[in-house]
Amino acid sequence: MGSGEDKPRHGFINRYWVLIVIVLWLIAWSARDWLAPAEPEDPPADSGVVLEEEPPAGDEEAAREEAARQEAARQEAAREEAAREEAAREEAAREEAAREEAAGEEAAREEVAEEPAVEVEALLTEARETYWREGAAAAMNILEDGLETQAYESRERADILGELGNLQHATGDVEAAMGSWDRALEKLPEGERRAMMAPLRPIYARHHPQGVDHLERFR
């Protein structure tokens, strides 16, 4: 009995098994996207998006420290450069001030060298004219007053002292004359002393205790 009931069922399966397989295959094919595991979407090739891995925390800290060191080095270099530029400006200012000061001193020396020369020449002319009009005493007073107007180290004092010594010698005061000539020789530049010493040698040889040797100290 039992085997007779199973025959129609087995016959149906044997007859339609190919159709069943096809239907199952179609169902599986249609559900392939749902059954397959999801994959991450790749960014578009032309989007320019680059996936980067996040660096470890230690690398970020080291990068920050390196950036800080580089920034500190740049700031230090900038400060040093600014200090060098400031020092160069100060040096240039000092050199310019020194040049201006030297130029001013040179101009002052030239002015002093020119004006007193004219004044001293006029003074000597006045003393000589006074000598012929009023005598040696009046002329010597003019020269002595003229000495008061000249700086102690000035070259012009030598001319006045030399003329004063000539007048003192003319009055017979040889000792005073030699004192004035000595002071004049001290004020003269070394190259000009020889010309003044030549006519004085006979006077010193006759009247000075050391003779001509005394003049040698002015060479």
C-alpha atoms as a PDB file:
ATOM      1  CA  MET A   1       0.000   0.000   0.000  1.00  0.00           C
ATOM      2  CA  GLY A   2       2.684   2.431   1.066  1.00  0.00           C
ATOM      3  CA  SER A   3       4.816   2.000  -2.017  1.00  0.00           C
ATOM      4  CA  GLY A   4       1.871   2.599  -4.234  1.00  0.00           C
ATOM      5  CA  GLU A   5       1.194   6.023  -2.661  1.00  0.00           C
ATOM      6  CA  ASP A   6       4.796   7.169  -3.107  1.00  0.00           C
ATOM      7  CA  LYS A   7       4.987   6.511  -6.811  1.00  0.00           C
ATOM      8  CA  PRO A   8       2.993   9.537  -7.947  1.00  0.00           C
ATOM      9  CA  ARG A   9       5.045  11.851  -5.671  1.00  0.00           C
ATOM     10  CA  HIS A  10       8.366  10.500  -6.882  1.00  0.00           C
ATOM     11  CA  GLY A  11       7.134  10.691 -10.412  1.00  0.00           C
ATOM     12  CA  PHE A  12       6.309  14.375 -10.026  1.00  0.00           C
ATOM     13  CA  ILE A  13       9.780  15.119  -8.650  1.00  0.00           C
ATOM     14  CA  ASN A  14      11.536  13.147 -11.328  1.00  0.00           C
ATOM     15  CA  ARG A  15       9.465  14.869 -13.989  1.00  0.00           C
ATOM     16  CA  TYR A  16       9.988  18.443 -12.802  1.00  0.00           C
ATOM     17  CA  TRP A  17      13.388  18.340 -11.044  1.00  0.00           C
ATOM     18  CA  VAL A  18      15.075  20.196 -13.893  1.00  0.00           C
ATOM     19  CA  LEU A  19      12.491  22.970 -13.645  1.00  0.00           C
ATOM     20  CA  ILE A  20      12.940  23.143  -9.877  1.00  0.00           C
ATOM     21  CA  VAL A  21      16.728  23.474 -10.218  1.00  0.00           C
ATOM     22  CA  ILE A  22      16.313  26.279 -12.735  1.00  0.00           C
ATOM     23  CA  VAL A  23      13.917  28.174 -10.466  1.00  0.00           C
ATOM     24  CA  LEU A  24      16.231  27.825  -7.487  1.00  0.00           C
ATOM     25  CA  TRP A  25      19.175  29.019  -9.573  1.00  0.00           C
ATOM     26  CA  LEU A  26      17.228  32.074 -10.733  1.00  0.00           C
ATOM     27  CA  ILE A  27      16.294  32.898  -7.133  1.00  0.00           C
ATOM     28  CA  ALA A  28      19.933  32.609  -6.033  1.00  0.00           C
ATOM     29  CA  TRP A  29      21.147  34.746  -8.938  1.00  0.00           C
ATOM     30  CA  SER A  30      18.658  37.500  -8.225  1.00  0.00           C
ATOM     31  CA  ALA A  31      19.683  37.564  -4.537  1.00  0.00           C
ATOM     32  CA  ARG A  32      23.457  37.514  -5.167  1.00  0.00           C
ATOM     33  CA  ASP A  33      23.960  41.230  -4.238  1.00  0.00           C
ATOM     34  CA  TRP A  34      22.014  40.828  -1.008  1.00  0.00           C
ATOM     35  CA  LEU A  35      23.831  37.657   0.008  1.00  0.00           C
ATOM     36  CA  ALA A  36      27.350  38.894  -0.897  1.00  0.00           C
ATOM     37  CA  PRO A  37      29.391  40.690   1.890  1.00  0.00           C
ATOM     38  CA  ALA A  38      29.500  44.477   1.563  1.00  0.00           C
ATOM     39  CA  GLU A  39      32.773  45.932   0.286  1.00  0.00           C
ATOM     40  CA  PRO A  40      33.998  49.487   0.983  1.00  0.00           C
ATOM     41  CA  GLU A  41      33.421  51.850  -1.857  1.00  0.00           C
ATOM     42  CA  ASP A  42      36.513  53.120  -3.550  1.00  0.00           C
ATOM     43  CA  PRO A  43      36.708  56.893  -4.046  1.00  0.00           C
ATOM     44  CA  PRO A  44      36.402  58.034  -7.649  1.00  0.00           C
ATOM     45  CA  ALA A  45      39.666  57.799  -9.507  1.00  0.00           C
ATOM     46  CA  ASP A  46      39.624  61.472 -10.458  1.00  0.00           C
ATOM     47  CA  SER A  47      38.344  62.849  -7.151  1.00  0.00           C
ATOM     48  CA  GLY A  48      41.858  63.439  -5.776  1.00  0.00           C
ATOM     49  CA  VAL A  49      40.897  61.926  -2.423  1.00  0.00           C
ATOM     50  CA  VAL A  50      43.813  60.146  -0.780  1.00  0.00           C
ATOM     51  CA  LEU A  51      43.105  57.998   2.197  1.00  0.00           C
ATOM     52  CA  GLU A  52      45.811  58.553   4.775  1.00  0.00           C
ATOM     53  CA  GLU A  53      46.463  56.642   7.869  1.00  0.00           C
ATOM     54  CA  GLU A  54      46.414  58.691  11.032  1.00  0.00           C
ATOM     55  CA  PRO A  55      49.902  58.893  12.526  1.00  0.00           C
ATOM     56  CA  PRO A  56      50.430  57.556  15.985  1.00  0.00           C
ATOM     57  CA  ALA A  57      50.164  60.024  18.873  1.00  0.00           C
ATOM     58  CA  GLY A  58      53.913  59.828  19.535  1.00  0.00           C
ATOM     59  CA  ASP A  59      54.731  60.869  15.970  1.00  0.00           C
ATOM     60  CA  GLU A  60      52.391  63.858  16.209  1.00  0.00           C
ATOM     61  CA  GLU A  61      54.084  65.029  19.413  1.00  0.00           C
ATOM     62  CA  ALA A  62      57.534  64.655  17.848  1.00  0.00           C
ATOM     63  CA  ALA A  63      56.371  66.584  14.774  1.00  0.00           C
ATOM     64  CA  ARG A  64      55.029  69.397  16.962  1.00  0.00           C
ATOM     65  CA  GLU A  65      58.299  69.541  18.910  1.00  0.00           C
ATOM     66  CA  GLU A  66      60.316  69.629  15.681  1.00  0.00           C
ATOM     67  CA  ALA A  67      58.108  72.401  14.289  1.00  0.00           C
ATOM     68  CA  ALA A  68      58.537  74.346  17.538  1.00  0.00           C
ATOM     69  CA  ARG A  69      62.327  73.948  17.364  1.00  0.00           C
ATOM     70  CA  GLN A  70      62.397  75.118  13.760  1.00  0.00           C
ATOM     71  CA  GLU A  71      60.233  78.137  14.598  1.00  0.00           C
ATOM     72  CA  ALA A  72      62.463  79.003  17.566  1.00  0.00           C
ATOM     73  CA  ALA A  73      65.543  78.704  15.319  1.00  0.00           C
ATOM     74  CA  ARG A  74      63.963  81.016  12.730  1.00  0.00           C
ATOM     75  CA  GLN A  75      63.100  83.574  15.402  1.00  0.00           C
ATOM     76  CA  GLU A  76      66.618  83.403  16.862  1.00  0.00           C
ATOM     77  CA  ALA A  77      68.133  83.863  13.402  1.00  0.00           C
ATOM     78  CA  ALA A  78      65.832  86.832  12.796  1.00  0.00           C
ATOM     79  CA  ARG A  79      66.878  88.401  16.118  1.00  0.00           C
ATOM     80  CA  GLU A  80      70.560  87.888  15.337  1.00  0.00           C
ATOM     81  CA  GLU A  81      70.129  89.406  11.887  1.00  0.00           C
ATOM     82  CA  ALA A  82      68.287  92.397  13.387  1.00  0.00           C
ATOM     83  CA  ALA A  83      71.060  92.809  15.980  1.00  0.00           C
ATOM     84  CA  ARG A  84      73.734  92.716  13.262  1.00  0.00           C
ATOM     85  CA  GLU A  85      71.865  95.301  11.216  1.00  0.00           C
ATOM     86  CA  GLU A  86      71.437  97.534  14.278  1.00  0.00           C
ATOM     87  CA  ALA A  87      75.128  97.207  15.130  1.00  0.00           C
ATOM     88  CA  ALA A  88      76.037  98.068  11.535  1.00  0.00           C
ATOM     89  CA  ARG A  89      73.799 101.145  11.644  1.00  0.00           C
ATOM     90  CA  GLU A  90      75.319 102.268  14.949  1.00  0.00           C
ATOM     91  CA  GLU A  91      78.843 101.730  13.606  1.00  0.00           C
ATOM     92  CA  ALA A  92      78.008 103.693  10.472  1.00  0.00           C
ATOM     93  CA  ALA A  93      76.538 106.482  12.617  1.00  0.00           C
ATOM     94  CA  ARG A  94      79.670 106.559  14.797  1.00  0.00           C
ATOM     95  CA  GLU A  95      81.924 106.666  11.745  1.00  0.00           C
ATOM     96  CA  GLU A  96      79.850 109.450  10.220  1.00  0.00           C
ATOM     97  CA  ALA A  97      79.939 111.396  13.495  1.00  0.00           C
ATOM     98  CA  ALA A  98      83.716 110.892  13.704  1.00  0.00           C
ATOM     99  CA  ARG A  99      84.133 112.104  10.105  1.00  0.00           C
ATOM    100  CA  GLU A 100      81.995 115.143  10.782  1.00  0.00           C
ATOM    101  CA  GLU A 101      83.888 115.870  13.989  1.00  0.00           C
ATOM    102  CA  ALA A 102      87.237 115.493  12.220  1.00  0.00           C
ATOM    103  CA  ALA A 103      86.046 117.736   9.400  1.00  0.00           C
ATOM    104  CA  GLY A 104      84.880 120.313  11.931  1.00  0.00           C
ATOM    105  CA  GLU A 105      88.193 120.199  13.774  1.00  0.00           C
ATOM    106  CA  GLU A 106      90.108 120.508  10.522  1.00  0.00           C
ATOM    107  CA  ALA A 107      87.997 123.473   9.473  1.00  0.00           C
ATOM    108  CA  ALA A 108      88.531 125.059  12.895  1.00  0.00           C
ATOM    109  CA  ARG A 109      92.284 124.513  12.650  1.00  0.00           C
ATOM    110  CA  GLU A 110      92.361 126.037   9.197  1.00  0.00           C
ATOM    111  CA  GLU A 111      90.347 128.997  10.397  1.00  0.00           C
ATOM    112  CA  VAL A 112      92.591 129.455  13.408  1.00  0.00           C
ATOM    113  CA  ALA A 113      95.681 129.010  11.242  1.00  0.00           C
ATOM    114  CA  GLU A 114      94.565 131.615   8.723  1.00  0.00           C
ATOM    115  CA  GLU A 115      93.068 134.351  10.869  1.00  0.00           C
ATOM    116  CA  PRO A 116      95.785 134.591  13.550  1.00  0.00           C
ATOM    117  CA  ALA A 117      98.438 134.627  10.831  1.00  0.00           C
ATOM    118  CA  VAL A 118      96.900 137.805   9.457  1.00  0.00           C
ATOM    119  CA  GLU A 119      96.484 139.232  12.944  1.00  0.00           C
ATOM    120  CA  VAL A 120     100.068 138.400  13.953  1.00  0.00           C
ATOM    121  CA  GLU A 121     101.480 139.920  10.775  1.00  0.00           C
ATOM    122  CA  ALA A 122      99.535 143.108  11.470  1.00  0.00           C
ATOM    123  CA  LEU A 123     100.762 143.035  15.081  1.00  0.00           C
ATOM    124  CA  LEU A 124     104.399 142.688  14.023  1.00  0.00           C
ATOM    125  CA  THR A 125     104.019 145.524  11.523  1.00  0.00           C
ATOM    126  CA  GLU A 126     102.478 147.749  14.194  1.00  0.00           C
ATOM    127  CA  ALA A 127     105.293 146.914  16.661  1.00  0.00           C
ATOM    128  CA  ARG A 128     108.011 147.751  14.101  1.00  0.00           C
ATOM    129  CA  GLU A 129     106.371 151.028  13.171  1.00  0.00           C
ATOM    130  CA  THR A 130     105.968 151.872  16.850  1.00  0.00           C
ATOM    131  CA  TYR A 131     109.636 151.073  17.421  1.00  0.00           C
ATOM    132  CA  TRP A 132     110.706 153.677  14.874  1.00  0.00           C
ATOM    133  CA  ARG A 133     108.217 156.251  16.135  1.00  0.00           C
ATOM    134  CA  GLU A 134     108.207 155.736  19.889  1.00  0.00           C
ATOM    135  CA  GLY A 135     111.087 153.414  20.694  1.00  0.00           C
ATOM    136  CA  ALA A 136     111.652 149.824  21.775  1.00  0.00           C
ATOM    137  CA  ALA A 137     109.722 149.999  25.054  1.00  0.00           C
ATOM    138  CA  ALA A 138     106.433 150.958  23.345  1.00  0.00           C
ATOM    139  CA  ALA A 139     106.946 148.329  20.665  1.00  0.00           C
ATOM    140  CA  MET A 140     107.629 145.627  23.278  1.00  0.00           C
ATOM    141  CA  ASN A 141     104.406 146.561  25.078  1.00  0.00           C
ATOM    142  CA  ILE A 142     102.465 145.953  21.873  1.00  0.00           C
ATOM    143  CA  LEU A 143     104.098 142.539  21.410  1.00  0.00           C
ATOM    144  CA  GLU A 144     103.528 141.504  25.023  1.00  0.00           C
ATOM    145  CA  ASP A 145      99.868 142.491  24.768  1.00  0.00           C
ATOM    146  CA  GLY A 146      99.659 140.489  21.548  1.00  0.00           C
ATOM    147  CA  LEU A 147     100.949 137.384  23.293  1.00  0.00           C
ATOM    148  CA  GLU A 148      97.927 137.495  25.586  1.00  0.00           C
ATOM    149  CA  THR A 149      95.605 137.055  22.595  1.00  0.00           C
ATOM    150  CA  GLN A 150      97.285 133.866  21.326  1.00  0.00           C
ATOM    151  CA  ALA A 151      96.823 130.334  22.579  1.00  0.00           C
ATOM    152  CA  TYR A 152      99.787 129.075  24.573  1.00  0.00           C
ATOM    153  CA  GLU A 153     100.590 126.264  22.121  1.00  0.00           C
ATOM    154  CA  SER A 154      99.902 128.268  18.961  1.00  0.00           C
ATOM    155  CA  ARG A 155     102.519 128.569  16.228  1.00  0.00           C
ATOM    156  CA  GLU A 156     101.987 132.341  16.030  1.00  0.00           C
ATOM    157  CA  ARG A 157     103.500 132.877  19.499  1.00  0.00           C
ATOM    158  CA  ALA A 158     106.881 131.909  18.051  1.00  0.00           C
ATOM    159  CA  ASP A 159     106.781 134.869  15.629  1.00  0.00           C
ATOM    160  CA  ILE A 160     105.808 137.308  18.381  1.00  0.00           C
ATOM    161  CA  LEU A 161     108.423 135.937  20.814  1.00  0.00           C
ATOM    162  CA  GLY A 162     111.123 136.056  18.142  1.00  0.00           C
ATOM    163  CA  GLU A 163     110.358 139.715  17.391  1.00  0.00           C
ATOM    164  CA  LEU A 164     110.238 140.476  21.123  1.00  0.00           C
ATOM    165  CA  GLY A 165     113.678 138.910  21.555  1.00  0.00           C
ATOM    166  CA  ASN A 166     115.020 141.106  18.732  1.00  0.00           C
ATOM    167  CA  LEU A 167     113.747 144.247  20.450  1.00  0.00           C
ATOM    168  CA  GLN A 168     115.123 143.145  23.832  1.00  0.00           C
ATOM    169  CA  HIS A 169     118.501 142.485  22.248  1.00  0.00           C
ATOM    170  CA  ALA A 170     118.379 145.930  20.623  1.00  0.00           C
ATOM    171  CA  THR A 171     117.920 147.513  24.047  1.00  0.00           C
ATOM    172  CA  GLY A 172     120.890 145.568  25.436  1.00  0.00           C
ATOM    173  CA  ASP A 173     118.925 143.087  27.516  1.00  0.00           C
ATOM    174  CA  VAL A 174     120.604 140.011  26.021  1.00  0.00           C
ATOM    175  CA  GLU A 175     119.507 137.633  28.774  1.00  0.00           C
ATOM    176  CA  ALA A 176     115.838 138.529  28.285  1.00  0.00           C
ATOM    177  CA  ALA A 177     116.330 138.286  24.526  1.00  0.00           C
ATOM    178  CA  MET A 178     117.734 134.751  24.774  1.00  0.00           C
ATOM    179  CA  GLY A 179     114.813 133.771  27.020  1.00  0.00           C
ATOM    180  CA  SER A 180     112.334 135.006  24.385  1.00  0.00           C
ATOM    181  CA  TRP A 181     114.222 133.244  21.615  1.00  0.00           C
ATOM    182  CA  ASP A 182     114.246 129.981  23.591  1.00  0.00           C
ATOM    183  CA  ARG A 183     110.479 130.190  24.020  1.00  0.00           C
ATOM    184  CA  ALA A 184     110.076 130.933  20.327  1.00  0.00           C
ATOM    185  CA  LEU A 185     112.178 127.916  19.343  1.00  0.00           C
ATOM    186  CA  GLU A 186     110.023 125.707  21.573  1.00  0.00           C
ATOM    187  CA  LYS A 187     106.879 126.801  19.698  1.00  0.00           C
ATOM    188  CA  LEU A 188     108.325 126.427  16.214  1.00  0.00           C
ATOM    189  CA  PRO A 189     107.891 123.177  14.293  1.00  0.00           C
ATOM    190  CA  GLU A 190     111.110 121.185  14.182  1.00  0.00           C
ATOM    191  CA  GLY A 191     111.628 121.858  10.484  1.00  0.00           C
ATOM    192  CA  GLU A 192     111.581 125.640  10.975  1.00  0.00           C
ATOM    193  CA  ARG A 193     114.007 125.879  13.897  1.00  0.00           C
ATOM    194  CA  ARG A 194     117.215 125.622  11.881  1.00  0.00           C
ATOM    195  CA  ALA A 195     116.513 128.860   9.980  1.00  0.00           C
ATOM    196  CA  MET A 196     115.967 130.764  13.235  1.00  0.00           C
ATOM    197  CA  MET A 197     118.951 129.225  15.000  1.00  0.00           C
ATOM    198  CA  ALA A 198     121.513 130.190  12.350  1.00  0.00           C
ATOM    199  CA  PRO A 199     121.671 133.968  13.124  1.00  0.00           C
ATOM    200  CA  LEU A 200     121.467 133.300  16.886  1.00  0.00           C
ATOM    201  CA  ARG A 201     124.620 131.185  17.096  1.00  0.00           C
ATOM    202  CA  PRO A 202     127.084 134.067  17.442  1.00  0.00           C
ATOM    203  CA  ILE A 203     124.973 135.700  20.154  1.00  0.00           C
ATOM    204  CA  TYR A 204     124.617 132.476  22.161  1.00  0.00           C
ATOM    205  CA  ALA A 205     128.321 131.675  21.686  1.00  0.00           C
ATOM    206  CA  ARG A 206     129.206 135.032  23.216  1.00  0.00           C
ATOM    207  CA  HIS A 207     126.571 135.483  25.918  1.00  0.00           C
ATOM    208  CA  HIS A 208     125.057 132.153  26.945  1.00  0.00           C
ATOM    209  CA  PRO A 209     126.808 130.112  29.672  1.00  0.00           C
ATOM    210  CA  GLN A 210     126.543 126.937  27.575  1.00  0.00           C
ATOM    211  CA  GLY A 211     127.384 128.707  24.355  1.00  0.00           C
ATOM    212  CA  VAL A 212     126.143 127.304  21.059  1.00  0.00           C
ATOM    213  CA  ASP A 213     125.620 123.924  22.722  1.00  0.00           C
ATOM    214  CA  HIS A 214     122.506 125.350  24.310  1.00  0.00           C
ATOM    215  CA  LEU A 215     120.862 125.648  20.879  1.00  0.00           C
ATOM    216  CA  GLU A 216     121.485 121.975  20.154  1.00  0.00           C
ATOM    217  CA  ARG A 217     118.670 121.038  22.499  1.00  0.00           C
ATOM    218  CA  PHE A 218     116.214 122.514  20.005  1.00  0.00           C
ATOM    219  CA  ARG A 219     117.302 120.315  17.113  1.00  0.00           C
END
